[in-house]
N, C-alpha and C. Protein backbone atom coordinates (compact mmCIF):
# COMPACT_ATOMS: atom_id res chain seq x y z
N ASN A 1 -80.42 -82.16 -63.00
CA ASN A 1 -80.34 -83.55 -63.35
C ASN A 1 -79.01 -83.80 -64.05
N LEU A 2 -78.52 -85.01 -63.94
CA LEU A 2 -77.19 -85.38 -64.42
C LEU A 2 -77.06 -85.25 -65.93
N LEU A 3 -78.09 -85.62 -66.65
CA LEU A 3 -78.03 -85.54 -68.11
C LEU A 3 -77.85 -84.10 -68.59
N ASN A 4 -78.57 -83.18 -68.00
CA ASN A 4 -78.41 -81.76 -68.38
C ASN A 4 -77.01 -81.26 -68.07
N PHE A 5 -76.44 -81.70 -66.95
CA PHE A 5 -75.07 -81.31 -66.60
C PHE A 5 -74.08 -81.85 -67.63
N LEU A 6 -74.27 -83.08 -68.07
CA LEU A 6 -73.38 -83.66 -69.08
C LEU A 6 -73.51 -82.94 -70.42
N TYR A 7 -74.73 -82.56 -70.78
CA TYR A 7 -74.90 -81.75 -71.99
C TYR A 7 -74.20 -80.41 -71.86
N PHE A 8 -74.30 -79.79 -70.68
CA PHE A 8 -73.60 -78.53 -70.43
C PHE A 8 -72.10 -78.71 -70.60
N LEU A 9 -71.54 -79.79 -70.06
CA LEU A 9 -70.11 -80.05 -70.20
C LEU A 9 -69.72 -80.26 -71.66
N SER A 10 -70.59 -80.88 -72.43
CA SER A 10 -70.27 -81.09 -73.85
C SER A 10 -70.23 -79.76 -74.60
N TYR A 11 -71.11 -78.83 -74.23
CA TYR A 11 -71.08 -77.51 -74.87
C TYR A 11 -69.86 -76.71 -74.43
N VAL A 12 -69.44 -76.90 -73.20
CA VAL A 12 -68.20 -76.26 -72.73
C VAL A 12 -67.02 -76.77 -73.54
N LYS A 13 -67.00 -78.07 -73.80
CA LYS A 13 -65.92 -78.65 -74.59
C LYS A 13 -65.90 -78.08 -76.00
N VAL A 14 -67.05 -77.91 -76.61
CA VAL A 14 -67.11 -77.30 -77.94
C VAL A 14 -66.56 -75.87 -77.89
N GLY A 15 -66.93 -75.12 -76.86
CA GLY A 15 -66.44 -73.75 -76.71
C GLY A 15 -64.94 -73.70 -76.52
N ILE A 16 -64.40 -74.57 -75.67
CA ILE A 16 -62.96 -74.62 -75.46
C ILE A 16 -62.24 -75.02 -76.74
N THR A 17 -62.80 -75.95 -77.47
CA THR A 17 -62.19 -76.36 -78.74
C THR A 17 -62.16 -75.20 -79.72
N ALA A 18 -63.22 -74.41 -79.76
CA ALA A 18 -63.25 -73.26 -80.66
C ALA A 18 -62.20 -72.23 -80.27
N VAL A 19 -62.01 -72.03 -78.98
CA VAL A 19 -61.09 -71.00 -78.50
C VAL A 19 -59.63 -71.45 -78.60
N LYS A 20 -59.36 -72.74 -78.46
CA LYS A 20 -57.98 -73.20 -78.39
C LYS A 20 -57.22 -73.01 -79.70
N TYR A 21 -57.90 -72.92 -80.82
CA TYR A 21 -57.23 -72.75 -82.10
C TYR A 21 -56.88 -71.29 -82.40
N ILE A 22 -57.56 -70.36 -81.79
CA ILE A 22 -57.41 -68.94 -82.13
C ILE A 22 -55.98 -68.43 -81.91
N PRO A 23 -55.29 -68.75 -80.81
CA PRO A 23 -53.92 -68.23 -80.65
C PRO A 23 -52.98 -68.65 -81.77
N GLN A 24 -53.09 -69.90 -82.26
CA GLN A 24 -52.20 -70.34 -83.33
C GLN A 24 -52.53 -69.64 -84.64
N VAL A 25 -53.81 -69.43 -84.91
CA VAL A 25 -54.20 -68.69 -86.12
C VAL A 25 -53.62 -67.28 -86.07
N MET A 26 -53.74 -66.62 -84.92
CA MET A 26 -53.24 -65.26 -84.78
C MET A 26 -51.71 -65.21 -84.85
N LEU A 27 -51.04 -66.18 -84.23
CA LEU A 27 -49.58 -66.22 -84.28
C LEU A 27 -49.09 -66.40 -85.71
N ASN A 28 -49.71 -67.31 -86.44
CA ASN A 28 -49.33 -67.50 -87.84
C ASN A 28 -49.57 -66.23 -88.64
N TYR A 29 -50.67 -65.55 -88.37
CA TYR A 29 -51.00 -64.32 -89.08
C TYR A 29 -49.98 -63.22 -88.78
N HIS A 30 -49.65 -63.02 -87.52
CA HIS A 30 -48.72 -61.96 -87.16
C HIS A 30 -47.31 -62.23 -87.66
N ARG A 31 -46.90 -63.51 -87.66
CA ARG A 31 -45.57 -63.85 -88.14
C ARG A 31 -45.53 -63.98 -89.66
N LYS A 32 -46.69 -64.10 -90.27
CA LYS A 32 -46.79 -64.34 -91.71
C LYS A 32 -45.98 -65.59 -92.11
N SER A 33 -46.04 -66.58 -91.25
CA SER A 33 -45.29 -67.81 -91.47
C SER A 33 -45.87 -68.92 -90.61
N THR A 34 -45.66 -70.15 -91.06
CA THR A 34 -45.98 -71.31 -90.25
C THR A 34 -44.71 -72.12 -89.98
N ALA A 35 -43.55 -71.48 -90.09
CA ALA A 35 -42.27 -72.14 -89.87
C ALA A 35 -42.18 -72.68 -88.45
N GLY A 36 -41.62 -73.88 -88.32
CA GLY A 36 -41.45 -74.50 -87.02
C GLY A 36 -42.72 -75.14 -86.48
N TRP A 37 -43.70 -75.30 -87.31
CA TRP A 37 -45.01 -75.77 -86.89
C TRP A 37 -45.37 -76.99 -87.72
N ALA A 38 -45.77 -78.07 -87.08
CA ALA A 38 -46.04 -79.32 -87.77
C ALA A 38 -47.45 -79.34 -88.36
N ILE A 39 -47.53 -79.48 -89.67
CA ILE A 39 -48.82 -79.52 -90.36
C ILE A 39 -49.49 -80.89 -90.20
N TRP A 40 -48.71 -81.92 -89.84
CA TRP A 40 -49.26 -83.28 -89.75
C TRP A 40 -50.35 -83.37 -88.70
N ASN A 41 -50.21 -82.65 -87.60
CA ASN A 41 -51.26 -82.66 -86.57
C ASN A 41 -52.58 -82.13 -87.13
N ILE A 42 -52.49 -81.12 -87.97
CA ILE A 42 -53.69 -80.54 -88.56
C ILE A 42 -54.31 -81.51 -89.56
N LEU A 43 -53.49 -82.18 -90.33
CA LEU A 43 -54.02 -83.16 -91.29
C LEU A 43 -54.74 -84.29 -90.55
N LEU A 44 -54.16 -84.74 -89.44
CA LEU A 44 -54.82 -85.79 -88.65
C LEU A 44 -56.10 -85.27 -88.00
N ASP A 45 -56.07 -84.03 -87.50
CA ASP A 45 -57.26 -83.44 -86.89
C ASP A 45 -58.38 -83.28 -87.91
N PHE A 46 -58.02 -82.85 -89.12
CA PHE A 46 -59.00 -82.71 -90.20
C PHE A 46 -59.62 -84.06 -90.53
N THR A 47 -58.79 -85.08 -90.60
CA THR A 47 -59.28 -86.43 -90.88
C THR A 47 -60.22 -86.90 -89.78
N GLY A 48 -59.84 -86.67 -88.52
CA GLY A 48 -60.69 -87.08 -87.40
C GLY A 48 -62.01 -86.36 -87.38
N GLY A 49 -62.00 -85.04 -87.61
CA GLY A 49 -63.25 -84.28 -87.65
C GLY A 49 -64.16 -84.72 -88.78
N SER A 50 -63.56 -84.97 -89.94
CA SER A 50 -64.34 -85.42 -91.09
C SER A 50 -64.97 -86.79 -90.84
N LEU A 51 -64.17 -87.71 -90.32
CA LEU A 51 -64.69 -89.05 -90.06
C LEU A 51 -65.75 -89.05 -88.95
N SER A 52 -65.61 -88.14 -87.99
CA SER A 52 -66.62 -88.03 -86.94
C SER A 52 -67.97 -87.61 -87.51
N ILE A 53 -67.95 -86.63 -88.40
CA ILE A 53 -69.21 -86.18 -89.02
C ILE A 53 -69.76 -87.25 -89.96
N VAL A 54 -68.89 -87.92 -90.69
CA VAL A 54 -69.34 -89.01 -91.56
C VAL A 54 -69.99 -90.12 -90.73
N GLN A 55 -69.40 -90.42 -89.55
CA GLN A 55 -69.99 -91.43 -88.68
C GLN A 55 -71.37 -91.00 -88.19
N LEU A 56 -71.51 -89.74 -87.81
CA LEU A 56 -72.82 -89.23 -87.38
C LEU A 56 -73.86 -89.38 -88.48
N ILE A 57 -73.49 -89.01 -89.69
CA ILE A 57 -74.41 -89.10 -90.82
C ILE A 57 -74.76 -90.56 -91.12
N GLY A 58 -73.74 -91.41 -91.13
CA GLY A 58 -73.97 -92.83 -91.40
C GLY A 58 -74.86 -93.49 -90.36
N ASP A 59 -74.58 -93.21 -89.08
CA ASP A 59 -75.42 -93.77 -88.01
C ASP A 59 -76.84 -93.26 -88.09
N SER A 60 -76.99 -91.99 -88.41
CA SER A 60 -78.33 -91.40 -88.48
C SER A 60 -79.16 -92.02 -89.60
N PHE A 61 -78.55 -92.17 -90.77
CA PHE A 61 -79.30 -92.73 -91.88
C PHE A 61 -79.50 -94.23 -91.75
N ALA A 62 -78.60 -94.91 -91.07
CA ALA A 62 -78.78 -96.34 -90.85
C ALA A 62 -79.91 -96.60 -89.85
N GLN A 63 -80.09 -95.65 -88.94
CA GLN A 63 -81.10 -95.84 -87.91
C GLN A 63 -82.50 -95.50 -88.40
N ASP A 64 -82.70 -94.29 -88.93
CA ASP A 64 -84.05 -93.91 -89.34
C ASP A 64 -84.11 -93.05 -90.60
N ARG A 65 -83.03 -92.96 -91.32
CA ARG A 65 -82.95 -92.23 -92.59
C ARG A 65 -83.39 -90.76 -92.48
N THR A 66 -83.07 -90.14 -91.34
CA THR A 66 -83.33 -88.71 -91.17
C THR A 66 -82.08 -88.05 -90.59
N TRP A 67 -82.14 -86.74 -90.43
CA TRP A 67 -81.03 -85.97 -89.88
C TRP A 67 -81.09 -85.88 -88.35
N THR A 68 -82.04 -86.57 -87.73
CA THR A 68 -82.19 -86.45 -86.28
C THR A 68 -80.97 -86.95 -85.52
N GLY A 69 -80.31 -87.95 -86.04
CA GLY A 69 -79.10 -88.46 -85.38
C GLY A 69 -77.95 -87.47 -85.41
N VAL A 70 -77.86 -86.72 -86.50
CA VAL A 70 -76.81 -85.71 -86.62
C VAL A 70 -77.12 -84.54 -85.69
N LEU A 71 -78.33 -84.06 -85.75
CA LEU A 71 -78.73 -82.92 -84.94
C LEU A 71 -78.99 -83.31 -83.50
N GLY A 72 -79.18 -84.59 -83.23
CA GLY A 72 -79.42 -85.06 -81.88
C GLY A 72 -78.17 -85.13 -81.03
N ASN A 73 -77.01 -85.03 -81.65
CA ASN A 73 -75.73 -85.02 -80.93
C ASN A 73 -74.97 -83.76 -81.32
N PRO A 74 -75.44 -82.60 -80.86
CA PRO A 74 -74.84 -81.34 -81.30
C PRO A 74 -73.39 -81.16 -80.87
N ALA A 75 -73.01 -81.76 -79.76
CA ALA A 75 -71.62 -81.61 -79.30
C ALA A 75 -70.66 -82.30 -80.26
N LYS A 76 -70.96 -83.52 -80.64
CA LYS A 76 -70.09 -84.25 -81.57
C LYS A 76 -70.06 -83.56 -82.93
N PHE A 77 -71.20 -83.12 -83.39
CA PHE A 77 -71.28 -82.41 -84.66
C PHE A 77 -70.50 -81.08 -84.57
N GLY A 78 -70.67 -80.36 -83.46
CA GLY A 78 -69.97 -79.09 -83.27
C GLY A 78 -68.47 -79.27 -83.20
N LEU A 79 -68.01 -80.29 -82.47
CA LEU A 79 -66.57 -80.55 -82.39
C LEU A 79 -65.97 -80.85 -83.75
N GLY A 80 -66.65 -81.69 -84.51
CA GLY A 80 -66.16 -82.00 -85.85
C GLY A 80 -66.16 -80.79 -86.76
N LEU A 81 -67.22 -80.00 -86.70
CA LEU A 81 -67.33 -78.82 -87.56
C LEU A 81 -66.31 -77.75 -87.19
N VAL A 82 -66.14 -77.49 -85.91
CA VAL A 82 -65.15 -76.49 -85.46
C VAL A 82 -63.75 -76.94 -85.87
N SER A 83 -63.44 -78.21 -85.65
CA SER A 83 -62.12 -78.72 -86.03
C SER A 83 -61.87 -78.57 -87.53
N ILE A 84 -62.85 -78.96 -88.32
CA ILE A 84 -62.69 -78.87 -89.77
C ILE A 84 -62.51 -77.42 -90.21
N CYS A 85 -63.29 -76.51 -89.66
CA CYS A 85 -63.19 -75.09 -90.05
C CYS A 85 -61.82 -74.52 -89.74
N PHE A 86 -61.33 -74.73 -88.52
CA PHE A 86 -60.01 -74.22 -88.17
C PHE A 86 -58.90 -74.94 -88.94
N ASP A 87 -59.08 -76.23 -89.18
CA ASP A 87 -58.07 -76.96 -89.95
C ASP A 87 -57.97 -76.42 -91.37
N VAL A 88 -59.09 -76.04 -91.96
CA VAL A 88 -59.07 -75.43 -93.29
C VAL A 88 -58.29 -74.10 -93.24
N VAL A 89 -58.51 -73.31 -92.19
CA VAL A 89 -57.76 -72.06 -92.04
C VAL A 89 -56.27 -72.35 -91.94
N PHE A 90 -55.88 -73.34 -91.13
CA PHE A 90 -54.48 -73.69 -91.00
C PHE A 90 -53.88 -74.19 -92.31
N LEU A 91 -54.64 -75.00 -93.04
CA LEU A 91 -54.15 -75.51 -94.32
C LEU A 91 -53.95 -74.39 -95.32
N VAL A 92 -54.88 -73.44 -95.35
CA VAL A 92 -54.73 -72.28 -96.25
C VAL A 92 -53.52 -71.45 -95.83
N GLN A 93 -53.35 -71.24 -94.53
CA GLN A 93 -52.18 -70.48 -94.08
C GLN A 93 -50.89 -71.19 -94.48
N HIS A 94 -50.84 -72.49 -94.28
CA HIS A 94 -49.60 -73.23 -94.51
C HIS A 94 -49.28 -73.43 -95.99
N TYR A 95 -50.27 -73.77 -96.79
CA TYR A 95 -50.01 -74.13 -98.18
C TYR A 95 -50.29 -73.02 -99.18
N VAL A 96 -51.00 -71.97 -98.79
CA VAL A 96 -51.35 -70.91 -99.73
C VAL A 96 -50.76 -69.56 -99.30
N LEU A 97 -51.19 -69.05 -98.16
CA LEU A 97 -50.82 -67.69 -97.77
C LEU A 97 -49.35 -67.55 -97.42
N TYR A 98 -48.81 -68.47 -96.64
CA TYR A 98 -47.44 -68.32 -96.14
C TYR A 98 -46.54 -69.43 -96.66
N ARG A 99 -46.81 -69.88 -97.83
CA ARG A 99 -46.02 -70.95 -98.44
C ARG A 99 -44.60 -70.45 -98.66
N ASN A 100 -43.63 -71.26 -98.24
CA ASN A 100 -42.21 -70.94 -98.40
C ASN A 100 -41.83 -69.59 -97.81
N GLN A 101 -42.47 -69.22 -96.73
CA GLN A 101 -42.14 -67.97 -96.03
C GLN A 101 -41.28 -68.31 -94.82
N PRO A 102 -39.96 -68.18 -94.93
CA PRO A 102 -39.14 -68.45 -93.75
C PRO A 102 -39.35 -67.37 -92.69
N LEU A 103 -39.09 -67.72 -91.47
CA LEU A 103 -39.28 -66.82 -90.35
C LEU A 103 -37.92 -66.32 -89.88
N THR A 104 -37.80 -65.03 -89.62
CA THR A 104 -36.59 -64.48 -89.05
C THR A 104 -36.77 -64.41 -87.55
N VAL A 105 -35.87 -65.06 -86.83
CA VAL A 105 -35.93 -65.07 -85.38
C VAL A 105 -34.71 -64.34 -84.86
N SER A 106 -34.92 -63.31 -84.06
CA SER A 106 -33.82 -62.58 -83.45
C SER A 106 -33.79 -62.89 -81.97
N ILE A 107 -32.62 -63.27 -81.49
CA ILE A 107 -32.46 -63.57 -80.08
C ILE A 107 -31.54 -62.50 -79.49
N HIS A 108 -32.04 -61.77 -78.52
CA HIS A 108 -31.30 -60.66 -77.94
C HIS A 108 -30.65 -61.08 -76.63
N PRO A 109 -29.50 -60.48 -76.28
CA PRO A 109 -28.86 -60.78 -74.99
C PRO A 109 -29.74 -60.31 -73.83
N ARG A 110 -29.55 -60.93 -72.67
CA ARG A 110 -30.37 -60.61 -71.51
C ARG A 110 -30.04 -59.24 -70.91
N ASN A 111 -28.78 -58.85 -70.92
CA ASN A 111 -28.40 -57.52 -70.44
C ASN A 111 -27.16 -57.04 -71.18
N ASP A 112 -26.72 -55.81 -70.91
CA ASP A 112 -25.60 -55.22 -71.65
C ASP A 112 -24.26 -55.85 -71.32
N ASP A 113 -24.13 -56.56 -70.20
CA ASP A 113 -22.87 -57.17 -69.81
C ASP A 113 -22.59 -58.46 -70.57
N ASP A 114 -23.60 -59.03 -71.16
CA ASP A 114 -23.41 -60.28 -71.92
C ASP A 114 -22.67 -59.98 -73.22
N ASP A 115 -21.74 -60.84 -73.55
CA ASP A 115 -21.03 -60.68 -74.82
C ASP A 115 -21.51 -61.69 -75.85
N ILE A 116 -22.74 -62.11 -75.68
CA ILE A 116 -23.30 -63.13 -76.57
C ILE A 116 -23.57 -62.56 -77.96
N GLY A 117 -24.06 -61.36 -78.02
CA GLY A 117 -24.43 -60.79 -79.30
C GLY A 117 -25.84 -61.17 -79.69
N ILE A 118 -26.19 -60.85 -80.89
CA ILE A 118 -27.54 -61.14 -81.38
C ILE A 118 -27.42 -62.14 -82.51
N ASP A 119 -28.16 -63.23 -82.38
CA ASP A 119 -28.22 -64.24 -83.43
C ASP A 119 -29.46 -64.01 -84.26
N THR A 120 -29.30 -63.97 -85.54
CA THR A 120 -30.45 -63.92 -86.42
C THR A 120 -30.42 -65.18 -87.26
N ILE A 121 -31.52 -65.88 -87.25
CA ILE A 121 -31.61 -67.18 -87.92
C ILE A 121 -32.68 -67.11 -88.98
N ARG A 122 -32.37 -67.55 -90.15
CA ARG A 122 -33.39 -67.74 -91.18
C ARG A 122 -33.83 -69.18 -91.05
N SER A 123 -35.02 -69.37 -90.60
CA SER A 123 -35.48 -70.74 -90.40
C SER A 123 -36.52 -71.09 -91.44
N GLY A 124 -36.48 -72.33 -91.86
CA GLY A 124 -37.47 -72.84 -92.79
C GLY A 124 -38.47 -73.70 -92.04
N HIS A 125 -39.21 -74.49 -92.75
CA HIS A 125 -40.24 -75.31 -92.14
C HIS A 125 -39.66 -76.44 -91.31
N ASP A 126 -38.39 -76.79 -91.52
CA ASP A 126 -37.80 -77.89 -90.76
C ASP A 126 -36.93 -77.41 -89.60
N THR A 127 -36.77 -76.09 -89.44
CA THR A 127 -35.93 -75.55 -88.39
C THR A 127 -36.79 -75.16 -87.19
N PRO A 128 -36.43 -75.60 -85.98
CA PRO A 128 -37.19 -75.19 -84.80
C PRO A 128 -37.14 -73.68 -84.60
N LEU A 129 -38.19 -73.12 -84.01
CA LEU A 129 -38.25 -71.68 -83.80
C LEU A 129 -37.13 -71.19 -82.90
N LEU A 130 -36.71 -71.98 -81.95
CA LEU A 130 -35.69 -71.57 -81.00
C LEU A 130 -34.34 -72.23 -81.30
N ALA A 131 -34.01 -72.35 -82.58
CA ALA A 131 -32.79 -73.03 -82.98
C ALA A 131 -31.54 -72.36 -82.44
N GLY A 132 -31.53 -71.05 -82.26
CA GLY A 132 -30.36 -70.33 -81.81
C GLY A 132 -30.28 -70.14 -80.31
N ILE A 133 -31.12 -70.78 -79.56
CA ILE A 133 -31.16 -70.58 -78.12
C ILE A 133 -29.89 -71.09 -77.44
N HIS A 134 -29.19 -72.01 -78.09
CA HIS A 134 -27.98 -72.57 -77.48
C HIS A 134 -26.93 -71.50 -77.21
N SER A 135 -26.91 -70.43 -77.97
CA SER A 135 -25.91 -69.38 -77.76
C SER A 135 -26.18 -68.56 -76.50
N LEU A 136 -27.39 -68.65 -75.99
CA LEU A 136 -27.73 -67.92 -74.76
C LEU A 136 -27.41 -68.71 -73.51
N LEU A 137 -27.21 -70.01 -73.67
CA LEU A 137 -26.99 -70.87 -72.51
C LEU A 137 -25.55 -70.92 -72.08
């Protein structure tokens, strides 16, 4: 039936949302830095997830003053909860664990015939990760 298929798709979306954040968490962890990465997207995502859950709670209590409205839409609740959890991890990485940790980026020549040399860049939070790529072009 169509409704069951749509519920299945909503659970797939929750799963994809949970998985899509993992590479960035791991990259930040391995680099021990969040340099070159915009925190504003995370702040907006955190706000959206929070407001989504607040809307679920408000609608539920306005309708029948129980938690059935919140638990009756597990996909929306799951999306908001997953987003908030990963956003908290990103905020801790950015503002606590790797605060003021510049990233060292080394760009190596493509082969031994190139006389480009190796550029090492100390980048801060406002410097793009590939700032030295122009020397390779």
